[in-house]
Amino acid sequence: MALRKIKRGLQFWGALSTLLVVTTFHGPLVWSNPFMGSASSPPVTPVQSGGPTPAPILQGQLELRSRLAEYFSAWENGASPSLFFIIIGVAFLYGILHAFGPGHRKTVVFAIYLSRRSPWWEPIVMSLALAGLHGGTAIALILVFNGVAGAISASTDVVATYMEGFAYIALIGVAFFLLVRSIVDLVRGRSHEDSNLSLGALILTGIYPCPGAILILVLTLSLDIMSLGIVAVLAMSLGMAIPIALFAYLGWFGREGLLHRLKNNEPMIRKVGAIVEIVGFSILLLFSIYIALPFINDLPVLRSKLSSALFFRSVWI
């Protein structure tokens, strides 16, 4: 039974990842290709960041980023090998501060672990996986665009915009389905033990490149020390996992603490558990819609349809 659940979960995650890749790379068949298109390709508004970065966090990021630039230059000029460990440490701290800023799926992991029954170790494992995907996707894109003519930063920015936007569109669909299912479960007095869908959604949202990691990689690429940049991004990803895990455990402890108080009342546990799921998935759905709305509204295919509708309306009215 356990093996069957694991297999089913892996199949689902693979299907979701494939859906994102196919949508991202073949969606341009409907509108201008965001990867290979010309400069005249219509721009798309990125998803919302979730709010401004607090001043102390922003200042700390800028300071650490400036230090990294200095250390990378010193490394290129043949500085002491001990500088390697300083670079790794600064990149790790930069990752922590970077993830405490807006974005990085903190609200997503909070909502999912508020809704999902899981073992104590799962939030930290998923946070590491999410941060690893975030940095790993940046590494993969830089390696892909390294041999492509044109500005690497501009190319990766376009790819990142589309990947993150489509990931949130998929998350909206998953959150809506999970919310409806939880409501039906509450009405019918039943519960779902299999929550692979929410984990698949969580993994899906991590498959987009981290802007901070791209900055590091572009800088090290220009200095011809790309391998050091990759190691620094891996250290940065490890640092990013810490704030993500804090928010994941905030949701996990909230759910577990509430249900622990009702441990002697099984019927009430089921009812309260279903209500907590509804609250968590409602947060996930509303947050995903809020974040993705600028991207959805600005998709060229939607804009063209809206323009056509307005044109025919002006003709007939």
Protein backbone atom coordinates (compact mmCIF):
# COMPACT_ATOMS: atom_id res chain seq x y z
CA MET A 1 0.00 0.00 0.00
CA ALA A 2 2.79 2.43 0.95
CA LEU A 3 4.75 1.62 -2.23
CA ARG A 4 1.63 2.13 -4.29
CA LYS A 5 1.08 5.57 -2.73
CA ILE A 6 4.70 6.56 -3.32
CA LYS A 7 4.50 5.39 -6.94
CA ARG A 8 1.23 7.26 -7.45
CA GLY A 9 2.73 10.38 -5.92
CA LEU A 10 5.84 10.24 -8.13
CA GLN A 11 3.67 9.74 -11.20
CA PHE A 12 1.58 12.74 -10.27
CA TRP A 13 4.58 15.00 -9.60
CA GLY A 14 6.05 13.94 -12.91
CA ALA A 15 2.80 14.71 -14.70
CA LEU A 16 2.57 18.16 -13.11
CA SER A 17 6.19 18.96 -13.95
CA THR A 18 5.66 17.78 -17.52
CA LEU A 19 2.53 19.93 -17.75
CA LEU A 20 4.48 23.00 -16.70
CA VAL A 21 7.31 22.33 -19.14
CA VAL A 22 4.95 21.58 -22.03
CA THR A 23 2.81 24.63 -21.28
CA THR A 24 5.84 26.88 -21.00
CA PHE A 25 7.65 25.71 -24.11
CA HIS A 26 4.66 24.97 -26.36
CA GLY A 27 2.33 27.70 -25.17
CA PRO A 28 4.18 30.12 -27.49
CA LEU A 29 2.65 28.24 -30.42
CA VAL A 30 -0.47 30.23 -29.58
CA TRP A 31 1.34 33.53 -29.07
CA SER A 32 4.85 34.83 -29.69
CA ASN A 33 7.55 32.53 -28.38
CA PRO A 34 8.97 34.09 -25.17
CA PHE A 35 12.22 32.11 -25.50
CA MET A 36 13.13 32.48 -29.15
CA GLY A 37 10.89 35.42 -30.07
CA SER A 38 12.14 38.73 -31.33
CA ALA A 39 12.39 41.98 -29.42
CA SER A 40 8.94 42.84 -30.77
CA SER A 41 7.36 39.97 -28.84
CA PRO A 42 4.64 41.37 -26.57
CA PRO A 43 5.81 41.79 -22.97
CA VAL A 44 4.02 40.00 -20.16
CA THR A 45 3.65 41.39 -16.65
CA PRO A 46 5.35 39.16 -14.06
CA VAL A 47 3.38 37.78 -11.15
CA GLN A 48 3.11 40.04 -8.12
CA SER A 49 5.86 39.84 -5.53
CA GLY A 50 3.49 39.87 -2.57
CA GLY A 51 4.60 43.25 -1.23
CA PRO A 52 7.68 45.46 -0.85
CA THR A 53 10.84 44.15 0.77
CA PRO A 54 11.27 45.53 4.32
CA ALA A 55 14.08 48.11 4.42
CA PRO A 56 16.40 46.20 6.82
CA ILE A 57 16.13 43.01 4.73
CA LEU A 58 16.68 44.94 1.49
CA GLN A 59 19.70 46.76 2.92
CA GLY A 60 21.15 43.48 4.17
CA GLN A 61 20.69 41.85 0.77
CA LEU A 62 22.40 44.73 -1.01
CA GLU A 63 25.31 44.63 1.43
CA LEU A 64 25.81 40.88 1.07
CA ARG A 65 25.43 41.07 -2.71
CA SER A 66 28.11 43.78 -2.83
CA ARG A 67 30.40 41.66 -0.66
CA LEU A 68 29.90 38.66 -2.94
CA ALA A 69 30.82 40.76 -5.98
CA GLU A 70 34.03 41.88 -4.27
CA TYR A 71 34.92 38.35 -3.19
CA PHE A 72 34.28 36.94 -6.66
CA SER A 73 36.58 39.57 -8.16
CA ALA A 74 39.24 38.78 -5.57
CA TRP A 75 38.91 35.06 -6.32
CA GLU A 76 39.38 35.71 -10.04
CA ASN A 77 42.56 37.64 -9.24
CA GLY A 78 44.02 34.69 -7.34
CA ALA A 79 43.09 35.35 -3.71
CA SER A 80 43.74 32.88 -0.89
CA PRO A 81 41.88 29.55 -1.13
CA SER A 82 40.37 30.31 2.30
CA LEU A 83 38.24 32.92 0.54
CA PHE A 84 36.20 30.01 -0.84
CA PHE A 85 34.65 29.35 2.58
CA ILE A 86 33.94 33.04 3.09
CA ILE A 87 32.09 33.13 -0.24
CA ILE A 88 30.04 30.06 0.71
CA GLY A 89 29.16 31.59 4.09
CA VAL A 90 28.13 34.94 2.61
CA ALA A 91 26.06 33.19 -0.10
CA PHE A 92 24.33 31.15 2.63
CA LEU A 93 23.46 34.30 4.62
CA TYR A 94 22.34 36.02 1.42
CA GLY A 95 19.98 33.11 0.75
CA ILE A 96 18.41 33.47 4.21
CA LEU A 97 17.80 37.21 3.81
CA HIS A 98 16.69 36.79 0.20
CA ALA A 99 14.02 34.25 1.16
CA PHE A 100 12.74 36.45 4.00
CA GLY A 101 11.77 39.00 1.35
CA PRO A 102 8.55 38.76 -0.69
CA GLY A 103 7.93 35.58 -2.66
CA HIS A 104 9.72 32.24 -2.33
CA ARG A 105 6.46 30.38 -1.67
CA LYS A 106 6.32 31.03 2.08
CA THR A 107 2.55 31.60 2.03
CA VAL A 108 2.13 28.53 -0.18
CA VAL A 109 3.96 26.18 2.19
CA PHE A 110 2.12 27.66 5.18
CA ALA A 111 -1.27 27.08 3.55
CA ILE A 112 -0.41 23.56 2.39
CA TYR A 113 0.91 22.39 5.77
CA LEU A 114 -2.00 24.01 7.54
CA SER A 115 -4.22 21.82 5.35
CA ARG A 116 -2.14 18.68 5.03
CA ARG A 117 -1.59 15.85 7.52
CA SER A 118 2.10 14.97 7.35
CA PRO A 119 4.98 13.55 9.45
CA TRP A 120 7.15 16.03 11.38
CA TRP A 121 10.13 15.72 9.03
CA GLU A 122 8.25 16.43 5.79
CA PRO A 123 8.16 20.27 5.96
CA ILE A 124 11.96 20.57 6.21
CA VAL A 125 12.49 18.03 3.43
CA MET A 126 10.03 19.82 1.16
CA SER A 127 11.55 23.20 2.02
CA LEU A 128 15.00 21.92 1.01
CA ALA A 129 13.55 20.49 -2.19
CA LEU A 130 11.71 23.73 -2.98
CA ALA A 131 14.79 25.90 -2.40
CA GLY A 132 16.94 23.43 -4.34
CA LEU A 133 14.58 23.57 -7.31
CA HIS A 134 14.54 27.37 -7.08
CA GLY A 135 18.32 27.62 -7.33
CA GLY A 136 18.76 24.56 -9.56
CA THR A 137 16.41 25.94 -12.22
CA ALA A 138 18.49 29.13 -12.32
CA ILE A 139 21.65 27.07 -12.84
CA ALA A 140 19.99 25.05 -15.62
CA LEU A 141 18.77 28.17 -17.45
CA ILE A 142 22.14 29.90 -17.28
CA LEU A 143 23.82 26.78 -18.66
CA VAL A 144 21.22 26.62 -21.47
CA PHE A 145 21.56 30.29 -22.42
CA ASN A 146 25.33 30.38 -22.02
CA GLY A 147 25.79 29.44 -25.68
CA VAL A 148 22.89 31.51 -27.01
CA ALA A 149 23.50 34.90 -28.56
CA GLY A 150 22.01 37.88 -26.77
CA ALA A 151 21.82 39.14 -23.22
CA ILE A 152 21.66 36.21 -20.83
CA SER A 153 19.96 38.21 -18.08
CA ALA A 154 17.19 39.39 -20.40
CA SER A 155 16.61 35.89 -21.77
CA THR A 156 16.42 34.27 -18.35
CA ASP A 157 14.12 37.03 -17.08
CA VAL A 158 11.63 36.27 -19.85
CA VAL A 159 11.79 32.54 -19.18
CA ALA A 160 11.41 33.08 -15.43
CA THR A 161 8.35 35.28 -15.98
CA TYR A 162 6.55 32.66 -18.05
CA MET A 163 7.57 29.71 -15.87
CA GLU A 164 6.46 31.37 -12.63
CA GLY A 165 3.24 32.63 -14.20
CA PHE A 166 2.21 29.23 -15.54
CA ALA A 167 3.18 27.56 -12.25
CA TYR A 168 0.74 29.82 -10.41
CA ILE A 169 -1.98 29.20 -12.99
CA ALA A 170 -1.58 25.47 -12.39
CA LEU A 171 -1.59 26.10 -8.64
CA ILE A 172 -4.90 27.97 -8.92
CA GLY A 173 -6.46 24.91 -10.58
CA VAL A 174 -5.04 22.51 -7.99
CA ALA A 175 -6.08 24.72 -5.05
CA PHE A 176 -9.62 25.06 -6.43
CA PHE A 177 -9.94 21.29 -6.82
CA LEU A 178 -8.60 20.63 -3.30
CA LEU A 179 -10.91 23.27 -1.82
CA VAL A 180 -13.99 21.80 -3.51
CA ARG A 181 -12.97 18.29 -2.44
CA SER A 182 -12.54 19.40 1.18
CA ILE A 183 -15.96 21.05 1.18
CA VAL A 184 -17.55 17.88 -0.24
CA ASP A 185 -15.72 15.79 2.36
CA LEU A 186 -17.03 18.01 5.17
CA VAL A 187 -20.61 17.74 3.90
CA ARG A 188 -20.39 13.97 3.47
CA GLY A 189 -18.45 13.38 6.68
CA ARG A 190 -15.46 11.66 5.08
CA SER A 191 -11.77 12.45 4.66
CA HIS A 192 -9.00 11.91 2.11
CA GLU A 193 -5.77 10.36 3.34
CA ASP A 194 -3.98 10.75 0.01
CA SER A 195 -2.65 14.34 -0.27
CA ASN A 196 -0.14 13.84 -3.08
CA LEU A 197 -1.93 16.51 -5.09
CA SER A 198 -0.98 19.26 -2.63
CA LEU A 199 2.64 18.06 -2.56
CA GLY A 200 2.72 18.01 -6.35
CA ALA A 201 1.46 21.59 -6.40
CA LEU A 202 4.16 22.59 -3.93
CA ILE A 203 6.91 21.02 -6.03
CA LEU A 204 5.48 22.62 -9.16
CA THR A 205 5.76 26.12 -7.74
CA GLY A 206 9.49 25.64 -7.14
CA ILE A 207 10.32 25.03 -10.79
CA TYR A 208 11.26 28.58 -11.70
CA PRO A 209 14.62 30.37 -11.48
CA CYS A 210 15.56 32.51 -8.48
CA PRO A 211 16.41 36.10 -9.56
CA GLY A 212 19.07 36.39 -6.85
CA ALA A 213 20.71 33.18 -8.02
CA ILE A 214 20.68 34.40 -11.62
CA LEU A 215 22.48 37.59 -10.57
CA ILE A 216 25.22 35.53 -8.92
CA LEU A 217 25.54 33.21 -11.90
CA VAL A 218 25.66 36.01 -14.49
CA LEU A 219 28.38 37.76 -12.49
CA THR A 220 30.52 34.64 -12.11
CA LEU A 221 29.97 33.79 -15.77
CA SER A 222 31.31 37.20 -16.77
CA LEU A 223 34.37 36.57 -14.54
CA ASP A 224 34.82 33.07 -15.98
CA ILE A 225 34.41 31.40 -12.57
CA MET A 226 31.07 29.75 -13.28
CA SER A 227 31.84 26.65 -11.22
CA LEU A 228 32.30 28.80 -8.10
CA GLY A 229 29.03 30.56 -8.91
CA ILE A 230 27.19 27.23 -9.02
CA VAL A 231 28.60 26.24 -5.61
CA ALA A 232 27.60 29.66 -4.23
CA VAL A 233 24.05 29.23 -5.56
CA LEU A 234 23.81 25.81 -3.90
CA ALA A 235 24.86 27.41 -0.59
CA MET A 236 22.36 30.19 -1.21
CA SER A 237 19.61 27.60 -1.80
CA LEU A 238 20.44 25.96 1.52
CA GLY A 239 20.02 29.34 3.20
CA MET A 240 16.71 29.98 1.40
CA ALA A 241 15.34 26.72 2.79
CA ILE A 242 15.46 28.08 6.36
CA PRO A 243 12.76 30.82 6.06
CA ILE A 244 10.65 28.53 3.87
CA ALA A 245 10.84 25.79 6.52
CA LEU A 246 9.88 28.26 9.27
CA PHE A 247 6.65 29.10 7.45
CA ALA A 248 6.00 25.44 6.66
CA TYR A 249 6.32 24.51 10.34
CA LEU A 250 4.15 27.47 11.33
CA GLY A 251 1.32 25.86 9.37
CA TRP A 252 2.24 22.33 10.50
CA PHE A 253 2.32 23.19 14.23
CA GLY A 254 -0.90 25.17 13.90
CA ARG A 255 -2.73 22.15 12.51
CA GLU A 256 -1.12 19.59 14.81
CA GLY A 257 -1.61 21.71 17.91
CA LEU A 258 -5.27 22.26 17.18
CA LEU A 259 -5.98 18.60 16.47
CA HIS A 260 -3.95 17.48 19.51
CA ARG A 261 -6.37 19.35 21.77
CA LEU A 262 -9.17 17.22 20.34
CA LYS A 263 -7.34 13.88 20.50
CA ASN A 264 -10.06 12.28 22.65
CA ASN A 265 -12.89 13.32 20.35
CA GLU A 266 -12.52 11.47 17.04
CA PRO A 267 -15.70 12.82 15.35
CA MET A 268 -14.69 16.39 16.24
CA ILE A 269 -11.15 15.77 14.92
CA ARG A 270 -12.54 14.82 11.51
CA LYS A 271 -14.83 17.84 11.40
CA VAL A 272 -12.20 20.33 12.60
CA GLY A 273 -9.60 18.75 10.30
CA ALA A 274 -11.90 19.28 7.31
CA ILE A 275 -12.55 22.90 8.33
CA VAL A 276 -8.81 23.54 8.70
CA GLU A 277 -8.28 22.06 5.22
CA ILE A 278 -10.92 24.39 3.80
CA VAL A 279 -9.27 27.40 5.45
CA GLY A 280 -5.82 26.38 4.22
CA PHE A 281 -6.90 25.69 0.65
CA SER A 282 -8.93 28.92 0.60
CA ILE A 283 -5.79 30.85 1.57
CA LEU A 284 -3.86 28.98 -1.13
CA LEU A 285 -6.47 29.70 -3.81
CA LEU A 286 -6.95 33.38 -3.00
CA PHE A 287 -3.21 33.99 -2.65
CA SER A 288 -2.48 32.25 -5.97
CA ILE A 289 -5.13 34.29 -7.77
CA TYR A 290 -3.83 37.52 -6.26
CA ILE A 291 -0.23 36.74 -7.21
CA ALA A 292 -0.97 35.49 -10.74
CA LEU A 293 -3.62 38.04 -11.77
CA PRO A 294 -1.27 40.57 -13.44
CA PHE A 295 0.36 37.77 -15.46
CA ILE A 296 -3.01 36.27 -16.46
CA ASN A 297 -4.45 39.64 -17.47
CA ASP A 298 -1.41 40.44 -19.59
CA LEU A 299 -1.07 37.17 -21.49
CA PRO A 300 -0.96 38.11 -25.20
CA VAL A 301 -3.56 35.52 -26.17
CA LEU A 302 -5.99 36.93 -23.60
CA ARG A 303 -5.21 40.49 -24.60
CA SER A 304 -5.90 39.70 -28.26
CA LYS A 305 -9.23 38.08 -27.38
CA LEU A 306 -10.16 41.03 -25.19
CA SER A 307 -9.25 43.47 -27.98
CA SER A 308 -11.37 41.50 -30.46
CA ALA A 309 -14.30 41.47 -28.05
CA LEU A 310 -14.03 45.23 -27.50
CA PHE A 311 -13.79 45.78 -31.27
CA PHE A 312 -16.95 43.80 -32.04
CA ARG A 313 -18.71 45.48 -29.14
CA SER A 314 -17.84 48.91 -30.55
CA VAL A 315 -19.08 47.86 -34.00
CA TRP A 316 -22.42 46.51 -32.83
CA ILE A 317 -23.25 49.08 -30.14
